[in-house]
Amino acid sequence: MITEKGKLIIGVEHEGKTHREFELRPQLVSDSVETLESKYADRAKNNDSFFGLCLLAKQIAKLGDIPKPAITPDLLMTLTEIDFRAISEAREALESRLRTFRGEKEESKKADTRAA
């Protein structure tokens, strides 16, 4: 699976340590379903920004040494705007790479089929 790595400028504090390095994976349909079945469902249904934050929490594969279950919307609410922008830019880069990767792969299959 394609991922995108990056580094927060300020970082997020967890258990007395500042964490900066992160890795994002592509957003999946299951992220939306799980969010709407989670303890955050009511708030996510009524607030698009919070719903997006819930999806982002699921999309973050790694954030420093923070255990994955601790990467929650509540934790992400403590990010500075500059760090949130860094993650957003990484998310856009990942989506672009994923589209390109899928497109190149499909074109390659078509070319192989035509050559045969």
C-alpha atoms as a PDB file:
ATOM      1  CA  MET A   1       0.000   0.000   0.000  1.00  0.00           C
ATOM      2  CA  ILE A   2       1.252   3.449  -0.880  1.00  0.00           C
ATOM      3  CA  THR A   3       1.818   5.734   2.112  1.00  0.00           C
ATOM      4  CA  GLU A   4       3.035   9.282   2.598  1.00  0.00           C
ATOM      5  CA  LYS A   5       5.496  10.226   5.329  1.00  0.00           C
ATOM      6  CA  GLY A   6       6.052  13.652   6.775  1.00  0.00           C
ATOM      7  CA  LYS A   7       7.166  15.625   9.779  1.00  0.00           C
ATOM      8  CA  LEU A   8       5.204  18.013  11.956  1.00  0.00           C
ATOM      9  CA  ILE A   9       6.810  21.376  12.609  1.00  0.00           C
ATOM     10  CA  ILE A  10       5.652  21.806  16.210  1.00  0.00           C
ATOM     11  CA  GLY A  11       4.624  18.249  17.045  1.00  0.00           C
ATOM     12  CA  VAL A  12       2.002  16.744  19.286  1.00  0.00           C
ATOM     13  CA  GLU A  13       2.620  15.850  22.903  1.00  0.00           C
ATOM     14  CA  HIS A  14       1.671  12.427  24.204  1.00  0.00           C
ATOM     15  CA  GLU A  15       2.748  10.964  27.536  1.00  0.00           C
ATOM     16  CA  GLY A  16       5.348  13.656  28.087  1.00  0.00           C
ATOM     17  CA  LYS A  17       7.043  13.288  24.706  1.00  0.00           C
ATOM     18  CA  THR A  18       6.745  15.390  21.550  1.00  0.00           C
ATOM     19  CA  HIS A  19       6.015  13.372  18.412  1.00  0.00           C
ATOM     20  CA  ARG A  20       6.668  14.775  14.945  1.00  0.00           C
ATOM     21  CA  GLU A  21       7.105  12.066  12.309  1.00  0.00           C
ATOM     22  CA  PHE A  22       3.942  10.708  10.744  1.00  0.00           C
ATOM     23  CA  GLU A  23       2.785   8.335   8.049  1.00  0.00           C
ATOM     24  CA  LEU A  24      -0.553   8.401   6.255  1.00  0.00           C
ATOM     25  CA  ARG A  25      -2.274   5.593   4.414  1.00  0.00           C
ATOM     26  CA  PRO A  26      -5.047   6.064   1.851  1.00  0.00           C
ATOM     27  CA  GLN A  27      -8.518   6.795   3.167  1.00  0.00           C
ATOM     28  CA  LEU A  28     -10.812   3.765   2.973  1.00  0.00           C
ATOM     29  CA  VAL A  29     -14.581   3.404   2.876  1.00  0.00           C
ATOM     30  CA  SER A  30     -14.316   1.439   6.119  1.00  0.00           C
ATOM     31  CA  ASP A  31     -12.993   4.598   7.799  1.00  0.00           C
ATOM     32  CA  SER A  32     -16.325   6.342   7.215  1.00  0.00           C
ATOM     33  CA  VAL A  33     -18.379   3.340   8.290  1.00  0.00           C
ATOM     34  CA  GLU A  34     -16.339   2.782  11.445  1.00  0.00           C
ATOM     35  CA  THR A  35     -16.543   6.478  12.338  1.00  0.00           C
ATOM     36  CA  LEU A  36     -20.324   6.418  12.067  1.00  0.00           C
ATOM     37  CA  GLU A  37     -20.413   3.349  14.305  1.00  0.00           C
ATOM     38  CA  SER A  38     -17.989   4.730  16.894  1.00  0.00           C
ATOM     39  CA  LYS A  39     -18.369   6.721  20.091  1.00  0.00           C
ATOM     40  CA  TYR A  40     -17.829   9.818  17.914  1.00  0.00           C
ATOM     41  CA  ALA A  41     -20.836   9.085  15.654  1.00  0.00           C
ATOM     42  CA  ASP A  42     -23.254  11.719  17.003  1.00  0.00           C
ATOM     43  CA  ARG A  43     -20.738  14.523  16.846  1.00  0.00           C
ATOM     44  CA  ALA A  44     -19.408  13.395  13.438  1.00  0.00           C
ATOM     45  CA  LYS A  45     -22.929  13.276  11.957  1.00  0.00           C
ATOM     46  CA  ASN A  46     -23.595  16.859  13.020  1.00  0.00           C
ATOM     47  CA  ASN A  47     -20.198  18.395  12.261  1.00  0.00           C
ATOM     48  CA  ASP A  48     -18.469  17.840   8.915  1.00  0.00           C
ATOM     49  CA  SER A  49     -15.169  19.209  10.227  1.00  0.00           C
ATOM     50  CA  PHE A  50     -15.168  16.754  13.110  1.00  0.00           C
ATOM     51  CA  PHE A  51     -16.134  13.909  10.753  1.00  0.00           C
ATOM     52  CA  GLY A  52     -13.075  14.796   8.645  1.00  0.00           C
ATOM     53  CA  LEU A  53     -10.901  14.776  11.759  1.00  0.00           C
ATOM     54  CA  CYS A  54     -12.221  11.303  12.633  1.00  0.00           C
ATOM     55  CA  LEU A  55     -11.330  10.081   9.146  1.00  0.00           C
ATOM     56  CA  LEU A  56      -7.872  11.618   9.416  1.00  0.00           C
ATOM     57  CA  ALA A  57      -7.264   9.883  12.758  1.00  0.00           C
ATOM     58  CA  LYS A  58      -7.977   6.560  11.052  1.00  0.00           C
ATOM     59  CA  GLN A  59      -5.810   7.470   8.062  1.00  0.00           C
ATOM     60  CA  ILE A  60      -2.736   8.199  10.202  1.00  0.00           C
ATOM     61  CA  ALA A  61      -0.810   4.931  10.297  1.00  0.00           C
ATOM     62  CA  LYS A  62       1.951   6.298  12.548  1.00  0.00           C
ATOM     63  CA  LEU A  63       2.504   9.418  14.608  1.00  0.00           C
ATOM     64  CA  GLY A  64       5.858   9.230  16.326  1.00  0.00           C
ATOM     65  CA  ASP A  65       5.758   6.465  18.924  1.00  0.00           C
ATOM     66  CA  ILE A  66       2.097   7.009  19.814  1.00  0.00           C
ATOM     67  CA  PRO A  67       0.185   3.708  19.842  1.00  0.00           C
ATOM     68  CA  LYS A  68      -2.382   3.576  17.035  1.00  0.00           C
ATOM     69  CA  PRO A  69      -5.389   3.327  19.421  1.00  0.00           C
ATOM     70  CA  ALA A  70      -4.283   6.631  21.003  1.00  0.00           C
ATOM     71  CA  ILE A  71      -4.392   8.479  17.646  1.00  0.00           C
ATOM     72  CA  THR A  72      -7.903   9.835  18.047  1.00  0.00           C
ATOM     73  CA  PRO A  73      -9.815  12.932  16.972  1.00  0.00           C
ATOM     74  CA  ASP A  74      -9.337  14.218  20.525  1.00  0.00           C
ATOM     75  CA  LEU A  75      -5.559  13.936  20.157  1.00  0.00           C
ATOM     76  CA  LEU A  76      -5.633  15.602  16.729  1.00  0.00           C
ATOM     77  CA  MET A  77      -7.604  18.513  18.198  1.00  0.00           C
ATOM     78  CA  THR A  78      -4.396  19.426  20.064  1.00  0.00           C
ATOM     79  CA  LEU A  79      -2.463  19.973  16.801  1.00  0.00           C
ATOM     80  CA  THR A  80      -1.402  23.474  15.882  1.00  0.00           C
ATOM     81  CA  GLU A  81      -2.775  24.863  12.613  1.00  0.00           C
ATOM     82  CA  ILE A  82       0.683  24.706  11.012  1.00  0.00           C
ATOM     83  CA  ASP A  83       0.980  20.990  11.838  1.00  0.00           C
ATOM     84  CA  PHE A  84      -2.552  20.332  10.628  1.00  0.00           C
ATOM     85  CA  ARG A  85      -1.599  21.989   7.320  1.00  0.00           C
ATOM     86  CA  ALA A  86       1.476  19.735   7.077  1.00  0.00           C
ATOM     87  CA  ILE A  87      -0.724  16.658   7.436  1.00  0.00           C
ATOM     88  CA  SER A  88      -3.273  18.062   4.980  1.00  0.00           C
ATOM     89  CA  GLU A  89      -0.537  18.680   2.397  1.00  0.00           C
ATOM     90  CA  ALA A  90       0.763  15.133   2.892  1.00  0.00           C
ATOM     91  CA  ARG A  91      -2.779  13.832   2.460  1.00  0.00           C
ATOM     92  CA  GLU A  92      -3.128  15.715  -0.850  1.00  0.00           C
ATOM     93  CA  ALA A  93       0.255  14.411  -2.028  1.00  0.00           C
ATOM     94  CA  LEU A  94      -0.787  10.857  -1.141  1.00  0.00           C
ATOM     95  CA  GLU A  95      -4.060  11.180  -3.044  1.00  0.00           C
ATOM     96  CA  SER A  96      -2.187  12.532  -6.064  1.00  0.00           C
ATOM     97  CA  ARG A  97       0.383   9.720  -5.946  1.00  0.00           C
ATOM     98  CA  LEU A  98      -2.361   7.138  -5.561  1.00  0.00           C
ATOM     99  CA  ARG A  99      -4.247   8.461  -8.601  1.00  0.00           C
ATOM    100  CA  THR A 100      -1.047   8.492 -10.646  1.00  0.00           C
ATOM    101  CA  PHE A 101      -0.033   5.027  -9.460  1.00  0.00           C
ATOM    102  CA  ARG A 102      -3.434   3.531 -10.283  1.00  0.00           C
ATOM    103  CA  GLY A 103      -3.558   5.333 -13.621  1.00  0.00           C
ATOM    104  CA  GLU A 104      -0.065   4.205 -14.655  1.00  0.00           C
ATOM    105  CA  LYS A 105      -0.839   0.641 -13.624  1.00  0.00           C
ATOM    106  CA  GLU A 106      -4.057   0.574 -15.662  1.00  0.00           C
ATOM    107  CA  GLU A 107      -2.364   2.102 -18.722  1.00  0.00           C
ATOM    108  CA  SER A 108       0.418  -0.477 -18.437  1.00  0.00           C
ATOM    109  CA  LYS A 109      -2.143  -3.325 -18.377  1.00  0.00           C
ATOM    110  CA  LYS A 110      -3.873  -1.906 -21.467  1.00  0.00           C
ATOM    111  CA  ALA A 111      -0.545  -1.617 -23.294  1.00  0.00           C
ATOM    112  CA  ASP A 112       0.389  -5.204 -22.362  1.00  0.00           C
ATOM    113  CA  THR A 113      -2.991  -6.461 -23.609  1.00  0.00           C
ATOM    114  CA  ARG A 114      -2.625  -4.599 -26.910  1.00  0.00           C
ATOM    115  CA  ALA A 115       0.928  -5.890 -27.432  1.00  0.00           C
ATOM    116  CA  ALA A 116      -0.125  -9.524 -26.986  1.00  0.00           C
END
